[in-house]
Amino acid sequence: LGHEAAGVVTAVGPGVTNLVPGQRVAIEAGVM
């Protein structure tokens, strides 16, 4: 459960250019 959340990026997968490890983020739970 749980969908109101924030945390810290710890790793990024291939093709991710908008985030870096260590970045603080809010998590939008819906994936369209």
PDB file of all heavy atoms in Angstrom:
ATOM      1  N   LEU A   1       0.832  -1.199   0.000  1.00  0.00           N
ATOM      2  CA  LEU A   1       0.000   0.000   0.000  1.00  0.00           C
ATOM      3  C   LEU A   1       0.874   1.258   0.000  1.00  0.00           C
ATOM      4  O   LEU A   1       2.091   1.182  -0.001  1.00  0.00           O
ATOM      5  CB  LEU A   1      -0.926  -0.007   1.221  1.00  0.00           C
ATOM      6  CG  LEU A   1      -1.960  -1.135   1.266  1.00  0.00           C
ATOM      7  CD1 LEU A   1      -2.733  -1.108   2.576  1.00  0.00           C
ATOM      8  CD2 LEU A   1      -2.922  -1.046   0.078  1.00  0.00           C
ATOM      9  N   GLY A   2       0.227   2.433   0.023  1.00  0.00           N
ATOM     10  CA  GLY A   2       0.942   3.707   0.110  1.00  0.00           C
ATOM     11  C   GLY A   2       1.134   4.368  -1.237  1.00  0.00           C
ATOM     12  O   GLY A   2       1.612   3.737  -2.186  1.00  0.00           O
ATOM     13  N   HIS A   3       0.711   5.654  -1.344  1.00  0.00           N
ATOM     14  CA  HIS A   3       0.894   6.369  -2.615  1.00  0.00           C
ATOM     15  C   HIS A   3       1.124   7.869  -2.418  1.00  0.00           C
ATOM     16  O   HIS A   3       1.208   8.598  -3.397  1.00  0.00           O
ATOM     17  CB  HIS A   3      -0.318   6.149  -3.535  1.00  0.00           C
ATOM     18  CG  HIS A   3      -1.620   6.528  -2.906  1.00  0.00           C
ATOM     19  ND1 HIS A   3      -2.389   5.621  -2.215  1.00  0.00           N
ATOM     20  CD2 HIS A   3      -2.255   7.712  -2.828  1.00  0.00           C
ATOM     21  CE1 HIS A   3      -3.463   6.239  -1.739  1.00  0.00           C
ATOM     22  NE2 HIS A   3      -3.407   7.513  -2.103  1.00  0.00           N
ATOM     23  N   GLU A   4       1.187   8.333  -1.170  1.00  0.00           N
ATOM     24  CA  GLU A   4       1.508   9.745  -0.917  1.00  0.00           C
ATOM     25  C   GLU A   4       2.942   9.764  -0.406  1.00  0.00           C
ATOM     26  O   GLU A   4       3.174   9.569   0.785  1.00  0.00           O
ATOM     27  CB  GLU A   4       0.577  10.329   0.155  1.00  0.00           C
ATOM     28  CG  GLU A   4      -0.902  10.224  -0.162  1.00  0.00           C
ATOM     29  CD  GLU A   4      -1.763  10.772   0.978  1.00  0.00           C
ATOM     30  OE1 GLU A   4      -1.193  11.185   2.017  1.00  0.00           O
ATOM     31  OE2 GLU A   4      -2.993  10.783   0.833  1.00  0.00           O
ATOM     32  N   ALA A   5       3.926   9.995  -1.287  1.00  0.00           N
ATOM     33  CA  ALA A   5       5.288   9.727  -0.853  1.00  0.00           C
ATOM     34  C   ALA A   5       6.340  10.611  -1.501  1.00  0.00           C
ATOM     35  O   ALA A   5       6.141  11.187  -2.572  1.00  0.00           O
ATOM     36  CB  ALA A   5       5.632   8.251  -1.122  1.00  0.00           C
ATOM     37  N   ALA A   6       7.471  10.672  -0.806  1.00  0.00           N
ATOM     38  CA  ALA A   6       8.660  11.362  -1.313  1.00  0.00           C
ATOM     39  C   ALA A   6       9.891  10.601  -0.834  1.00  0.00           C
ATOM     40  O   ALA A   6       9.846   9.891   0.178  1.00  0.00           O
ATOM     41  CB  ALA A   6       8.693  12.806  -0.812  1.00  0.00           C
ATOM     42  N   GLY A   7      10.991  10.751  -1.559  1.00  0.00           N
ATOM     43  CA  GLY A   7      12.204  10.031  -1.189  1.00  0.00           C
ATOM     44  C   GLY A   7      13.418  10.543  -1.938  1.00  0.00           C
ATOM     45  O   GLY A   7      13.423  11.662  -2.465  1.00  0.00           O
ATOM     46  N   VAL A   8      14.438   9.691  -2.004  1.00  0.00           N
ATOM     47  CA  VAL A   8      15.716  10.063  -2.618  1.00  0.00           C
ATOM     48  C   VAL A   8      16.053   9.064  -3.726  1.00  0.00           C
ATOM     49  O   VAL A   8      15.976   7.849  -3.519  1.00  0.00           O
ATOM     50  CB  VAL A   8      16.854  10.044  -1.559  1.00  0.00           C
ATOM     51  CG1 VAL A   8      18.181  10.399  -2.211  1.00  0.00           C
ATOM     52  CG2 VAL A   8      16.554  10.997  -0.424  1.00  0.00           C
ATOM     53  N   VAL A   9      16.413   9.567  -4.880  1.00  0.00           N
ATOM     54  CA  VAL A   9      16.841   8.696  -5.985  1.00  0.00           C
ATOM     55  C   VAL A   9      18.161   8.027  -5.595  1.00  0.00           C
ATOM     56  O   VAL A   9      19.108   8.700  -5.179  1.00  0.00           O
ATOM     57  CB  VAL A   9      17.020   9.507  -7.289  1.00  0.00           C
ATOM     58  CG1 VAL A   9      17.612   8.633  -8.404  1.00  0.00           C
ATOM     59  CG2 VAL A   9      15.694  10.107  -7.733  1.00  0.00           C
ATOM     60  N   THR A  10      18.206   6.696  -5.705  1.00  0.00           N
ATOM     61  CA  THR A  10      19.434   5.965  -5.357  1.00  0.00           C
ATOM     62  C   THR A  10      20.114   5.357  -6.585  1.00  0.00           C
ATOM     63  O   THR A  10      21.293   5.012  -6.538  1.00  0.00           O
ATOM     64  CB  THR A  10      19.129   4.843  -4.342  1.00  0.00           C
ATOM     65  OG1 THR A  10      18.061   4.036  -4.862  1.00  0.00           O
ATOM     66  CG2 THR A  10      18.709   5.426  -2.994  1.00  0.00           C
ATOM     67  N   ALA A  11      19.381   5.215  -7.683  1.00  0.00           N
ATOM     68  CA  ALA A  11      19.964   4.677  -8.924  1.00  0.00           C
ATOM     69  C   ALA A  11      19.037   5.033 -10.074  1.00  0.00           C
ATOM     70  O   ALA A  11      17.829   5.231  -9.865  1.00  0.00           O
ATOM     71  CB  ALA A  11      20.108   3.154  -8.826  1.00  0.00           C
ATOM     72  N   VAL A  12      19.580   5.126 -11.273  1.00  0.00           N
ATOM     73  CA  VAL A  12      18.741   5.372 -12.446  1.00  0.00           C
ATOM     74  C   VAL A  12      18.989   4.287 -13.480  1.00  0.00           C
ATOM     75  O   VAL A  12      20.103   3.782 -13.609  1.00  0.00           O
ATOM     76  CB  VAL A  12      18.979   6.776 -13.065  1.00  0.00           C
ATOM     77  CG1 VAL A  12      18.569   7.872 -12.100  1.00  0.00           C
ATOM     78  CG2 VAL A  12      20.419   6.955 -13.509  1.00  0.00           C
ATOM     79  N   GLY A  13      17.927   3.932 -14.193  1.00  0.00           N
ATOM     80  CA  GLY A  13      18.032   2.917 -15.233  1.00  0.00           C
ATOM     81  C   GLY A  13      18.480   3.532 -16.546  1.00  0.00           C
ATOM     82  O   GLY A  13      18.631   4.753 -16.665  1.00  0.00           O
ATOM     83  N   PRO A  14      18.678   2.699 -17.573  1.00  0.00           N
ATOM     84  CA  PRO A  14      19.089   3.194 -18.890  1.00  0.00           C
ATOM     85  C   PRO A  14      18.084   4.208 -19.439  1.00  0.00           C
ATOM     86  O   PRO A  14      16.878   4.066 -19.249  1.00  0.00           O
ATOM     87  CB  PRO A  14      19.105   1.921 -19.760  1.00  0.00           C
ATOM     88  CG  PRO A  14      19.162   0.778 -18.793  1.00  0.00           C
ATOM     89  CD  PRO A  14      18.501   1.238 -17.539  1.00  0.00           C
ATOM     90  N   GLY A  15      18.578   5.242 -20.084  1.00  0.00           N
ATOM     91  CA  GLY A  15      17.716   6.217 -20.745  1.00  0.00           C
ATOM     92  C   GLY A  15      17.197   7.330 -19.848  1.00  0.00           C
ATOM     93  O   GLY A  15      16.485   8.219 -20.321  1.00  0.00           O
ATOM     94  N   VAL A  16      17.530   7.299 -18.561  1.00  0.00           N
ATOM     95  CA  VAL A  16      17.039   8.348 -17.652  1.00  0.00           C
ATOM     96  C   VAL A  16      18.041   9.496 -17.625  1.00  0.00           C
ATOM     97  O   VAL A  16      19.199   9.317 -17.241  1.00  0.00           O
ATOM     98  CB  VAL A  16      16.818   7.793 -16.228  1.00  0.00           C
ATOM     99  CG1 VAL A  16      16.456   8.924 -15.263  1.00  0.00           C
ATOM    100  CG2 VAL A  16      15.721   6.732 -16.231  1.00  0.00           C
ATOM    101  N   THR A  17      17.569  10.675 -18.046  1.00  0.00           N
ATOM    102  CA  THR A  17      18.469  11.835 -18.091  1.00  0.00           C
ATOM    103  C   THR A  17      18.014  12.980 -17.191  1.00  0.00           C
ATOM    104  O   THR A  17      18.758  13.923 -16.956  1.00  0.00           O
ATOM    105  CB  THR A  17      18.562  12.379 -19.535  1.00  0.00           C
ATOM    106  OG1 THR A  17      17.225  12.657 -19.994  1.00  0.00           O
ATOM    107  CG2 THR A  17      19.210  11.362 -20.465  1.00  0.00           C
ATOM    108  N   ASN A  18      16.775  12.903 -16.675  1.00  0.00           N
ATOM    109  CA  ASN A  18      16.231  14.035 -15.906  1.00  0.00           C
ATOM    110  C   ASN A  18      16.496  13.923 -14.404  1.00  0.00           C
ATOM    111  O   ASN A  18      16.173  14.838 -13.648  1.00  0.00           O
ATOM    112  CB  ASN A  18      14.723  14.171 -16.147  1.00  0.00           C
ATOM    113  CG  ASN A  18      13.935  12.948 -15.679  1.00  0.00           C
ATOM    114  OD1 ASN A  18      14.387  11.815 -15.848  1.00  0.00           O
ATOM    115  ND2 ASN A  18      12.777  13.166 -15.100  1.00  0.00           N
ATOM    116  N   LEU A  19      17.070  12.797 -13.963  1.00  0.00           N
ATOM    117  CA  LEU A  19      17.315  12.587 -12.530  1.00  0.00           C
ATOM    118  C   LEU A  19      18.710  12.026 -12.309  1.00  0.00           C
ATOM    119  O   LEU A  19      19.254  11.342 -13.176  1.00  0.00           O
ATOM    120  CB  LEU A  19      16.281  11.601 -11.948  1.00  0.00           C
ATOM    121  CG  LEU A  19      14.803  12.009 -11.995  1.00  0.00           C
ATOM    122  CD1 LEU A  19      13.936  10.820 -11.623  1.00  0.00           C
ATOM    123  CD2 LEU A  19      14.529  13.180 -11.054  1.00  0.00           C
ATOM    124  N   VAL A  20      19.260  12.304 -11.116  1.00  0.00           N
ATOM    125  CA  VAL A  20      20.566  11.734 -10.742  1.00  0.00           C
ATOM    126  C   VAL A  20      20.465  11.181  -9.326  1.00  0.00           C
ATOM    127  O   VAL A  20      19.652  11.651  -8.522  1.00  0.00           O
ATOM    128  CB  VAL A  20      21.691  12.802 -10.795  1.00  0.00           C
ATOM    129  CG1 VAL A  20      21.958  13.231 -12.222  1.00  0.00           C
ATOM    130  CG2 VAL A  20      21.365  13.996  -9.910  1.00  0.00           C
ATOM    131  N   PRO A  21      21.266  10.169  -9.005  1.00  0.00           N
ATOM    132  CA  PRO A  21      21.270   9.644  -7.636  1.00  0.00           C
ATOM    133  C   PRO A  21      21.559  10.767  -6.627  1.00  0.00           C
ATOM    134  O   PRO A  21      22.358  11.666  -6.885  1.00  0.00           O
ATOM    135  CB  PRO A  21      22.396   8.603  -7.658  1.00  0.00           C
ATOM    136  CG  PRO A  21      22.431   8.132  -9.086  1.00  0.00           C
ATOM    137  CD  PRO A  21      22.124   9.354  -9.902  1.00  0.00           C
ATOM    138  N   GLY A  22      20.853  10.702  -5.507  1.00  0.00           N
ATOM    139  CA  GLY A  22      20.992  11.726  -4.483  1.00  0.00           C
ATOM    140  C   GLY A  22      19.928  12.808  -4.575  1.00  0.00           C
ATOM    141  O   GLY A  22      19.761  13.612  -3.648  1.00  0.00           O
ATOM    142  N   GLN A  23      19.183  12.824  -5.688  1.00  0.00           N
ATOM    143  CA  GLN A  23      18.148  13.850  -5.871  1.00  0.00           C
ATOM    144  C   GLN A  23      16.908  13.525  -5.033  1.00  0.00           C
ATOM    145  O   GLN A  23      16.469  12.381  -4.958  1.00  0.00           O
ATOM    146  CB  GLN A  23      17.774  13.904  -7.357  1.00  0.00           C
ATOM    147  CG  GLN A  23      17.141  15.204  -7.777  1.00  0.00           C
ATOM    148  CD  GLN A  23      17.197  15.387  -9.285  1.00  0.00           C
ATOM    149  OE1 GLN A  23      17.763  14.565 -10.008  1.00  0.00           O
ATOM    150  NE2 GLN A  23      16.614  16.466  -9.771  1.00  0.00           N
ATOM    151  N   ARG A  24      16.343  14.555  -4.403  1.00  0.00           N
ATOM    152  CA  ARG A  24      15.121  14.397  -3.609  1.00  0.00           C
ATOM    153  C   ARG A  24      13.914  14.567  -4.526  1.00  0.00           C
ATOM    154  O   ARG A  24      13.857  15.515  -5.305  1.00  0.00           O
ATOM    155  CB  ARG A  24      15.087  15.445  -2.489  1.00  0.00           C
ATOM    156  CG  ARG A  24      16.267  15.353  -1.539  1.00  0.00           C
ATOM    157  CD  ARG A  24      16.483  16.630  -0.739  1.00  0.00           C
ATOM    158  NE  ARG A  24      15.412  16.866   0.201  1.00  0.00           N
ATOM    159  CZ  ARG A  24      14.486  17.822   0.098  1.00  0.00           C
ATOM    160  NH1 ARG A  24      14.499  18.667  -0.920  1.00  0.00           N
ATOM    161  NH2 ARG A  24      13.556  17.966   1.014  1.00  0.00           N
ATOM    162  N   VAL A  25      12.953  13.647  -4.431  1.00  0.00           N
ATOM    163  CA  VAL A  25      11.807  13.677  -5.355  1.00  0.00           C
ATOM    164  C   VAL A  25      10.492  13.376  -4.638  1.00  0.00           C
ATOM    165  O   VAL A  25      10.462  12.674  -3.624  1.00  0.00           O
ATOM    166  CB  VAL A  25      11.975  12.644  -6.508  1.00  0.00           C
ATOM    167  CG1 VAL A  25      13.083  13.050  -7.462  1.00  0.00           C
ATOM    168  CG2 VAL A  25      12.193  11.231  -5.965  1.00  0.00           C
ATOM    169  N   ALA A  26       9.404  13.928  -5.203  1.00  0.00           N
ATOM    170  CA  ALA A  26       8.048  13.499  -4.845  1.00  0.00           C
ATOM    171  C   ALA A  26       7.642  12.442  -5.861  1.00  0.00           C
ATOM    172  O   ALA A  26       7.961  12.554  -7.053  1.00  0.00           O
ATOM    173  CB  ALA A  26       7.092  14.683  -4.885  1.00  0.00           C
ATOM    174  N   ILE A  27       6.961  11.410  -5.382  1.00  0.00           N
ATOM    175  CA  ILE A  27       6.593  10.275  -6.233  1.00  0.00           C
ATOM    176  C   ILE A  27       5.133  10.418  -6.660  1.00  0.00           C
ATOM    177  O   ILE A  27       4.231  10.387  -5.825  1.00  0.00           O
ATOM    178  CB  ILE A  27       6.783   8.943  -5.469  1.00  0.00           C
ATOM    179  CG1 ILE A  27       8.235   8.791  -5.012  1.00  0.00           C
ATOM    180  CG2 ILE A  27       6.340   7.757  -6.324  1.00  0.00           C
ATOM    181  CD1 ILE A  27       8.439   7.696  -3.962  1.00  0.00           C
ATOM    182  N   GLU A  28       4.893  10.617  -7.961  1.00  0.00           N
ATOM    183  CA  GLU A  28       3.510  10.608  -8.465  1.00  0.00           C
ATOM    184  C   GLU A  28       3.161   9.160  -8.762  1.00  0.00           C
ATOM    185  O   GLU A  28       3.789   8.513  -9.607  1.00  0.00           O
ATOM    186  CB  GLU A  28       3.392  11.481  -9.718  1.00  0.00           C
ATOM    187  CG  GLU A  28       1.971  11.552 -10.244  1.00  0.00           C
ATOM    188  CD  GLU A  28       1.773  12.549 -11.380  1.00  0.00           C
ATOM    189  OE1 GLU A  28       2.700  13.328 -11.693  1.00  0.00           O
ATOM    190  OE2 GLU A  28       0.672  12.538 -11.966  1.00  0.00           O
ATOM    191  N   ALA A  29       2.127   8.644  -8.082  1.00  0.00           N
ATOM    192  CA  ALA A  29       1.886   7.196  -8.066  1.00  0.00           C
ATOM    193  C   ALA A  29       1.267   6.648  -9.343  1.00  0.00           C
ATOM    194  O   ALA A  29       1.415   5.478  -9.661  1.00  0.00           O
ATOM    195  CB  ALA A  29       0.991   6.838  -6.869  1.00  0.00           C
ATOM    196  N   GLY A  30       0.566   7.499 -10.103  1.00  0.00           N
ATOM    197  CA  GLY A  30      -0.111   7.012 -11.299  1.00  0.00           C
ATOM    198  C   GLY A  30       0.826   6.946 -12.494  1.00  0.00           C
ATOM    199  O   GLY A  30       1.573   7.888 -12.755  1.00  0.00           O
ATOM    200  N   VAL A  31       0.773   5.828 -13.203  1.00  0.00           N
ATOM    201  CA  VAL A  31       1.601   5.662 -14.413  1.00  0.00           C
ATOM    202  C   VAL A  31       0.656   5.546 -15.606  1.00  0.00           C
ATOM    203  O   VAL A  31      -0.027   4.542 -15.780  1.00  0.00           O
ATOM    204  CB  VAL A  31       2.497   4.408 -14.312  1.00  0.00           C
ATOM    205  CG1 VAL A  31       3.398   4.304 -15.537  1.00  0.00           C
ATOM    206  CG2 VAL A  31       3.329   4.432 -13.032  1.00  0.00           C
ATOM    207  N   MET A  32       0.609   6.621 -16.403  1.00  0.00           N
ATOM    208  CA  MET A  32      -0.311   6.677 -17.538  1.00  0.00           C
ATOM    209  C   MET A  32       0.300   6.014 -18.769  1.00  0.00           C
ATOM    210  O   MET A  32       1.503   5.812 -18.829  1.00  0.00           O
ATOM    211  CB  MET A  32      -0.690   8.139 -17.821  1.00  0.00           C
ATOM    212  CG  MET A  32       0.450   9.040 -18.299  1.00  0.00           C
ATOM    213  SD  MET A  32       1.851   9.285 -17.157  1.00  0.00           S
ATOM    214  CE  MET A  32       1.105  10.312 -15.896  1.00  0.00           C
TER     215      MET A  32
END
